[in-house]
């Protein structure tokens, strides 16, 4: 496992942090980065979709929902990194109440617990799904917010809630919005069930666990006719979370108390579905059969985020932007026993 090269340096001073949803994909990688940077970490996760084995060695673990944060937090904590959310778009359409109760209701109780314990720094794992189908690409933070599903709407509601908490009670907070997280970090990788993300789905075809990959639409106004999406390496994403927490330091940080900074994260490029499939073929050396399928309703041709605000305000620059590197890391994880089965990482983490 390679150490983080960006997010750790500005956060060398050790702190104590609660990571909600730290037994899931992104949360576990961020927890690992925090530990490598010398911080003390407590993971709070109900394991409904996360994995106890994903909690990094050296972190304390409390089994519980985000609504249980009040029994964990106390004034000794320096901040919270919040990943505990349900994150399946299709499920959110079928069962929106589940998303309002957990994502919004749980976050409200977390903010209450932070206020009561005097913990005044928060990094929130938001989503670029808050923008819906934006008219302009790359997507900036001033784009209209018009989520097209309850998942995106629930995250936007939490962003609004956090902003109000900052103004009313002096919280310092950073919301990070991103689209497709990919790759792996050592023993930490994707294992959702059901799986809905393109790269692990294509890797399952390469492993022989799935017959073919469905390509939904081949007539989009893109270079090869397939949808273009932004993929960010999970380790780059973790770096951004550490930089965001460091930006809220009390000694002249760029995000002082009472401020809510919203930053998009992206790798600066978009990759088409066909590019992903072809890269998987090259990296794995295995055939990946395709089947043509009709366009899915609501699928925009291109979704790519602009990360210029994160570069300017947090000093963040992704260093793992090569698609082959992202796929290789994901492939290495997929071949581990832990990467081949299990319920995935949704409610425990995004």
Protein backbone atom coordinates (compact mmCIF):
# COMPACT_ATOMS: atom_id res chain seq x y z
CA UNK A 1 0.00 0.00 0.00
CA UNK A 2 1.41 3.34 -1.01
CA UNK A 3 1.15 6.15 1.47
CA UNK A 4 -0.89 9.24 0.66
CA UNK A 5 1.25 11.91 -0.97
CA UNK A 6 -0.97 14.95 -0.80
CA UNK A 7 -3.55 15.02 1.97
CA UNK A 8 -1.27 14.04 4.82
CA UNK A 9 1.34 16.80 4.66
CA UNK A 10 -0.86 19.79 5.64
CA UNK A 11 -2.46 17.76 8.46
CA UNK A 12 0.65 16.48 10.25
CA UNK A 13 -0.44 17.81 13.63
CA UNK A 14 -2.18 14.84 15.16
CA UNK A 15 -5.89 15.03 15.85
CA UNK A 16 -8.75 12.80 16.92
CA UNK A 17 -11.50 12.18 14.39
CA UNK A 18 -14.79 10.32 14.09
CA UNK A 19 -15.40 8.68 10.69
CA UNK A 20 -19.05 7.78 10.22
CA UNK A 21 -19.45 4.99 7.69
CA UNK A 22 -15.78 4.10 8.01
CA UNK A 23 -16.38 0.40 7.30
CA UNK A 24 -17.38 1.15 3.71
CA UNK A 25 -15.44 1.84 0.52
CA UNK A 26 -14.57 5.55 0.69
CA UNK A 27 -14.83 5.84 4.47
CA UNK A 28 -12.35 3.04 5.09
CA UNK A 29 -9.80 4.56 2.71
CA UNK A 30 -10.11 7.96 4.37
CA UNK A 31 -9.76 6.34 7.78
CA UNK A 32 -6.59 4.60 6.59
CA UNK A 33 -5.17 7.90 5.32
CA UNK A 34 -5.93 9.60 8.62
CA UNK A 35 -4.11 6.88 10.55
CA UNK A 36 -1.12 7.08 8.22
CA UNK A 37 -0.97 10.82 8.88
CA UNK A 38 -0.68 10.15 12.62
CA UNK A 39 -4.26 10.87 13.68
CA UNK A 40 -6.45 8.95 16.12
CA UNK A 41 -9.54 7.50 14.42
CA UNK A 42 -12.85 6.13 15.64
CA UNK A 43 -15.09 4.45 13.07
CA UNK A 44 -18.86 4.44 13.61
CA UNK A 45 -20.68 2.03 11.31
CA UNK A 46 -23.73 -0.22 11.67
CA UNK A 47 -22.27 -2.82 9.26
CA UNK A 48 -25.58 -3.04 7.41
CA UNK A 49 -23.62 -2.71 4.21
CA UNK A 50 -20.07 -2.05 5.37
CA UNK A 51 -17.53 -4.64 6.53
CA UNK A 52 -15.90 -5.01 9.92
CA UNK A 53 -12.75 -6.24 8.16
CA UNK A 54 -12.59 -2.99 6.17
CA UNK A 55 -12.01 -0.93 9.32
CA UNK A 56 -8.28 -0.14 9.19
CA UNK A 57 -6.02 -1.62 11.80
CA UNK A 58 -5.36 0.97 14.47
CA UNK A 59 -8.82 2.55 14.35
CA UNK A 60 -11.26 2.15 17.21
CA UNK A 61 -14.59 0.70 16.13
CA UNK A 62 -18.08 1.41 17.44
CA UNK A 63 -20.93 -0.54 15.90
CA UNK A 64 -23.90 1.75 15.53
CA UNK A 65 -25.83 4.05 13.25
CA UNK A 66 -24.94 7.67 12.57
CA UNK A 67 -27.84 8.50 14.89
CA UNK A 68 -25.68 7.05 17.68
CA UNK A 69 -22.95 9.65 17.31
CA UNK A 70 -23.97 11.33 20.56
CA UNK A 71 -22.74 8.32 22.54
CA UNK A 72 -19.33 8.55 20.87
CA UNK A 73 -18.52 12.23 20.50
CA UNK A 74 -17.04 14.28 23.31
CA UNK A 75 -14.92 17.46 23.47
CA UNK A 76 -11.70 15.51 22.85
CA UNK A 77 -12.63 15.04 19.17
CA UNK A 78 -11.22 17.52 16.67
CA UNK A 79 -13.67 16.82 13.88
CA UNK A 80 -16.01 14.47 12.04
CA UNK A 81 -15.79 13.02 8.53
CA UNK A 82 -19.28 11.94 7.53
CA UNK A 83 -19.81 9.10 5.03
CA UNK A 84 -22.77 7.26 6.54
CA UNK A 85 -25.47 7.31 3.86
CA UNK A 86 -27.48 5.09 1.59
CA UNK A 87 -26.26 5.71 -1.95
CA UNK A 88 -28.14 3.57 -4.48
CA UNK A 89 -29.95 5.82 -6.94
CA UNK A 90 -32.45 3.19 -8.09
CA UNK A 91 -33.31 2.18 -4.55
CA UNK A 92 -33.85 5.81 -3.60
CA UNK A 93 -36.51 6.09 -6.31
CA UNK A 94 -38.26 2.94 -5.09
CA UNK A 95 -37.98 3.69 -1.37
CA UNK A 96 -37.42 7.45 -0.90
CA UNK A 97 -38.43 7.38 2.77
CA UNK A 98 -35.45 5.19 3.58
CA UNK A 99 -33.16 7.89 2.18
CA UNK A 100 -34.87 10.79 3.93
CA UNK A 101 -34.84 8.99 7.27
CA UNK A 102 -31.21 7.85 7.13
CA UNK A 103 -29.37 10.41 5.03
CA UNK A 104 -31.22 13.51 6.20
CA UNK A 105 -32.51 12.45 9.60
CA UNK A 106 -29.23 10.80 10.57
CA UNK A 107 -27.23 13.85 9.51
CA UNK A 108 -29.49 16.11 11.55
CA UNK A 109 -28.84 14.02 14.65
CA UNK A 110 -25.11 14.06 13.91
CA UNK A 111 -25.11 17.87 13.75
CA UNK A 112 -26.98 17.96 17.06
CA UNK A 113 -24.41 15.65 18.63
CA UNK A 114 -21.53 17.75 17.30
CA UNK A 115 -23.04 20.94 18.68
CA UNK A 116 -23.72 19.41 22.09
CA UNK A 117 -20.20 17.98 22.37
CA UNK A 118 -18.46 21.09 21.09
CA UNK A 119 -16.96 19.40 18.00
CA UNK A 120 -16.82 22.19 15.44
CA UNK A 121 -15.28 20.78 12.22
CA UNK A 122 -17.05 18.63 9.64
CA UNK A 123 -16.15 17.18 6.25
CA UNK A 124 -19.24 15.87 4.46
CA UNK A 125 -19.20 13.34 1.63
CA UNK A 126 -21.70 14.98 -0.69
CA UNK A 127 -22.28 14.14 -4.36
CA UNK A 128 -22.33 15.79 -7.75
CA UNK A 129 -25.76 14.15 -8.17
CA UNK A 130 -27.01 17.31 -6.45
CA UNK A 131 -26.68 19.01 -9.86
CA UNK A 132 -28.91 16.58 -11.73
CA UNK A 133 -28.43 17.03 -15.47
CA UNK A 134 -26.35 20.21 -15.71
CA UNK A 135 -26.52 22.34 -18.88
CA UNK A 136 -22.79 23.09 -18.89
CA UNK A 137 -19.82 20.71 -18.57
CA UNK A 138 -17.39 20.75 -16.73
CA UNK A 139 -19.71 21.31 -13.77
CA UNK A 140 -18.84 24.16 -11.42
CA UNK A 141 -20.19 24.80 -7.96
CA UNK A 142 -22.39 27.65 -9.23
CA UNK A 143 -24.29 25.27 -11.54
CA UNK A 144 -28.03 24.97 -10.84
CA UNK A 145 -28.82 22.36 -8.20
CA UNK A 146 -31.60 20.15 -9.56
CA UNK A 147 -31.22 16.54 -8.42
CA UNK A 148 -33.21 14.00 -10.43
CA UNK A 149 -33.62 11.36 -7.71
CA UNK A 150 -34.17 11.15 -3.94
CA UNK A 151 -30.56 10.15 -3.32
CA UNK A 152 -29.23 13.39 -4.82
CA UNK A 153 -32.03 15.36 -3.18
CA UNK A 154 -31.19 13.91 0.25
CA UNK A 155 -27.55 14.92 -0.10
CA UNK A 156 -28.51 18.41 -1.22
CA UNK A 157 -30.81 18.71 1.78
CA UNK A 158 -27.91 17.82 4.07
CA UNK A 159 -25.72 20.40 2.36
CA UNK A 160 -28.37 23.05 3.05
CA UNK A 161 -28.66 21.83 6.64
CA UNK A 162 -24.90 22.09 7.13
CA UNK A 163 -24.82 25.61 5.70
CA UNK A 164 -27.51 26.72 8.13
CA UNK A 165 -25.67 25.08 11.05
CA UNK A 166 -22.50 26.93 10.11
CA UNK A 167 -24.26 30.30 10.00
CA UNK A 168 -26.26 29.78 13.17
CA UNK A 169 -23.78 27.98 15.41
CA UNK A 170 -20.27 28.61 14.11
CA UNK A 171 -19.58 25.20 12.61
CA UNK A 172 -16.77 25.02 10.05
CA UNK A 173 -17.62 22.58 7.25
CA UNK A 174 -16.53 21.42 3.83
CA UNK A 175 -18.82 19.47 1.50
CA UNK A 176 -17.05 17.50 -1.23
CA UNK A 177 -19.09 16.65 -4.33
CA UNK A 178 -17.90 14.00 -6.76
CA UNK A 179 -19.31 11.51 -9.25
CA UNK A 180 -17.62 8.17 -9.80
CA UNK A 181 -15.09 6.96 -7.25
CA UNK A 182 -12.95 4.10 -8.54
CA UNK A 183 -9.75 2.18 -7.95
CA UNK A 184 -8.59 0.69 -4.69
CA UNK A 185 -6.13 1.38 -1.90
CA UNK A 186 -4.40 -1.79 -0.79
CA UNK A 187 -6.98 -3.97 0.93
CA UNK A 188 -9.72 -1.35 0.57
CA UNK A 189 -11.88 -1.44 -2.56
CA UNK A 190 -15.38 -1.63 -3.99
CA UNK A 191 -17.68 -4.53 -3.21
CA UNK A 192 -21.25 -3.31 -3.56
CA UNK A 193 -24.23 -5.63 -3.74
CA UNK A 194 -25.98 -5.02 -5.99
CA UNK A 195 -23.11 -3.57 -7.97
CA UNK A 196 -24.02 -0.56 -10.09
CA UNK A 197 -20.66 1.05 -10.89
CA UNK A 198 -19.17 0.57 -14.33
CA UNK A 199 -15.56 -0.37 -13.58
CA UNK A 200 -16.27 -3.19 -11.09
CA UNK A 201 -19.06 -4.44 -13.38
CA UNK A 202 -16.68 -4.66 -16.33
CA UNK A 203 -14.09 -6.35 -14.12
CA UNK A 204 -16.68 -8.96 -13.18
CA UNK A 205 -17.03 -9.75 -16.89
CA UNK A 206 -13.25 -10.10 -17.17
CA UNK A 207 -13.35 -12.51 -14.21
CA UNK A 208 -16.05 -14.60 -15.83
CA UNK A 209 -18.54 -13.71 -13.10
CA UNK A 210 -20.79 -11.88 -15.56
CA UNK A 211 -21.44 -12.85 -19.19
CA UNK A 212 -21.22 -9.41 -20.79
CA UNK A 213 -21.36 -5.71 -20.08
CA UNK A 214 -24.40 -3.79 -21.27
CA UNK A 215 -23.61 -0.55 -23.10
CA UNK A 216 -26.62 1.72 -22.66
CA UNK A 217 -26.73 3.93 -25.73
CA UNK A 218 -24.22 4.22 -28.56
CA UNK A 219 -25.51 7.37 -30.26
CA UNK A 220 -24.64 10.09 -27.77
CA UNK A 221 -22.92 13.28 -29.04
CA UNK A 222 -19.53 12.07 -27.76
CA UNK A 223 -16.43 10.95 -29.69
CA UNK A 224 -17.40 7.26 -29.66
CA UNK A 225 -21.13 7.59 -29.07
CA UNK A 226 -21.13 6.30 -25.47
CA UNK A 227 -21.61 8.28 -22.25
CA UNK A 228 -18.63 10.12 -20.78
CA UNK A 229 -18.11 10.16 -17.03
CA UNK A 230 -15.59 11.54 -14.54
CA UNK A 231 -13.66 8.90 -12.57
CA UNK A 232 -11.64 9.85 -9.50
CA UNK A 233 -9.24 7.51 -7.74
CA UNK A 234 -10.35 6.73 -4.20
CA UNK A 235 -6.91 7.62 -2.81
CA UNK A 236 -7.05 11.07 -4.45
CA UNK A 237 -10.47 11.46 -2.90
CA UNK A 238 -9.06 10.59 0.52
CA UNK A 239 -6.35 13.20 0.07
CA UNK A 240 -9.05 15.82 -0.52
CA UNK A 241 -10.79 14.91 2.74
CA UNK A 242 -7.61 15.37 4.76
CA UNK A 243 -6.90 18.68 3.04
CA UNK A 244 -10.45 19.81 3.75
CA UNK A 245 -10.06 19.05 7.45
CA UNK A 246 -6.72 20.85 7.52
CA UNK A 247 -8.32 23.91 5.88
CA UNK A 248 -10.48 24.28 8.99
CA UNK A 249 -7.53 24.52 11.38
CA UNK A 250 -7.84 27.21 14.03
CA UNK A 251 -4.48 28.77 13.17
CA UNK A 252 -5.41 30.67 10.01
CA UNK A 253 -7.25 28.02 8.03
CA UNK A 254 -9.06 28.98 4.84
CA UNK A 255 -12.39 27.74 6.23
CA UNK A 256 -12.96 29.57 9.53
CA UNK A 257 -15.82 28.89 11.95
CA UNK A 258 -19.19 29.85 10.49
CA UNK A 259 -18.11 28.93 6.95
CA UNK A 260 -19.44 26.19 4.68
CA UNK A 261 -17.24 25.53 1.65
CA UNK A 262 -18.61 23.39 -1.18
CA UNK A 263 -16.05 21.91 -3.59
CA UNK A 264 -16.47 19.67 -6.60
CA UNK A 265 -13.87 16.97 -7.14
CA UNK A 266 -12.91 15.48 -10.49
CA UNK A 267 -9.88 14.19 -12.30
CA UNK A 268 -10.03 16.84 -15.02
CA UNK A 269 -10.99 14.40 -17.75
CA UNK A 270 -13.93 12.27 -18.69
CA UNK A 271 -13.78 8.71 -19.99
CA UNK A 272 -16.41 7.06 -22.16
CA UNK A 273 -18.02 3.73 -21.43
CA UNK A 274 -16.17 2.25 -24.39
CA UNK A 275 -12.84 3.63 -23.16
CA UNK A 276 -13.42 1.97 -19.79
CA UNK A 277 -14.26 -1.37 -21.42
CA UNK A 278 -11.23 -1.25 -23.69
CA UNK A 279 -8.94 -0.30 -20.78
CA UNK A 280 -10.21 -3.26 -18.76
CA UNK A 281 -9.40 -5.54 -21.70
CA UNK A 282 -5.85 -4.20 -21.88
CA UNK A 283 -5.20 -4.26 -18.12
CA UNK A 284 -6.66 -7.72 -17.45
CA UNK A 285 -5.79 -9.45 -20.72
CA UNK A 286 -9.27 -10.97 -20.71
CA UNK A 287 -12.06 -10.63 -23.25
CA UNK A 288 -14.98 -8.43 -22.26
CA UNK A 289 -18.06 -9.15 -24.39
CA UNK A 290 -20.46 -6.23 -24.89
CA UNK A 291 -24.19 -6.12 -25.52
CA UNK A 292 -25.89 -3.05 -26.95
CA UNK A 293 -28.80 -1.73 -24.91
CA UNK A 294 -31.14 1.25 -25.30
CA UNK A 295 -30.34 4.54 -23.63
CA UNK A 296 -31.42 4.78 -20.01
CA UNK A 297 -33.83 7.58 -19.27
CA UNK A 298 -32.09 10.52 -17.64
CA UNK A 299 -28.54 9.55 -18.63
CA UNK A 300 -26.75 12.75 -19.75
CA UNK A 301 -24.14 12.45 -22.49
CA UNK A 302 -21.34 13.90 -20.34
CA UNK A 303 -20.85 14.40 -16.60
CA UNK A 304 -17.47 15.86 -15.69
CA UNK A 305 -16.78 18.00 -12.63
CA UNK A 306 -14.57 21.06 -12.47
CA UNK A 307 -12.22 20.88 -9.48
CA UNK A 308 -10.79 24.39 -9.77
CA UNK A 309 -12.25 25.55 -6.46
CA UNK A 310 -10.73 22.57 -4.64
CA UNK A 311 -7.39 23.33 -6.28
CA UNK A 312 -7.61 26.97 -5.25
CA UNK A 313 -9.08 26.65 -1.76
CA UNK A 314 -7.72 23.29 -0.58
CA UNK A 315 -4.52 22.95 -2.60
CA UNK A 316 -5.80 19.63 -3.96
CA UNK A 317 -4.62 18.13 -7.23
CA UNK A 318 -5.39 14.54 -8.22
CA UNK A 319 -2.25 12.55 -8.96
CA UNK A 320 -3.81 9.26 -10.10
CA UNK A 321 -5.73 10.39 -13.18
CA UNK A 322 -4.59 7.70 -15.62
CA UNK A 323 -7.51 5.38 -16.37
CA UNK A 324 -5.24 2.34 -16.70
CA UNK A 325 -3.81 2.97 -13.22
CA UNK A 326 -7.30 3.31 -11.75
CA UNK A 327 -8.43 0.08 -13.43
CA UNK A 328 -5.25 -1.77 -12.43
CA UNK A 329 -5.76 -0.93 -8.76
CA UNK A 330 -9.41 -2.01 -8.97
CA UNK A 331 -8.39 -5.22 -10.76
CA UNK A 332 -5.80 -6.05 -8.11
CA UNK A 333 -8.45 -5.66 -5.42
CA UNK A 334 -11.09 -7.62 -7.35
CA UNK A 335 -8.78 -10.65 -7.39
CA UNK A 336 -8.46 -10.67 -3.61
CA UNK A 337 -10.85 -13.01 -1.77
CA UNK A 338 -12.34 -9.98 0.00
CA UNK A 339 -13.00 -8.27 -3.31
CA UNK A 340 -15.10 -11.05 -4.82
CA UNK A 341 -18.11 -11.23 -2.56
CA UNK A 342 -20.12 -9.49 0.11
CA UNK A 343 -22.92 -7.00 0.45
CA UNK A 344 -20.99 -3.88 -0.54
CA UNK A 345 -20.62 -0.48 1.08
CA UNK A 346 -23.65 1.74 0.91
CA UNK A 347 -25.41 2.56 4.17
CA UNK A 348 -22.18 2.24 6.09
CA UNK A 349 -20.40 4.47 3.59
CA UNK A 350 -20.74 6.12 0.24
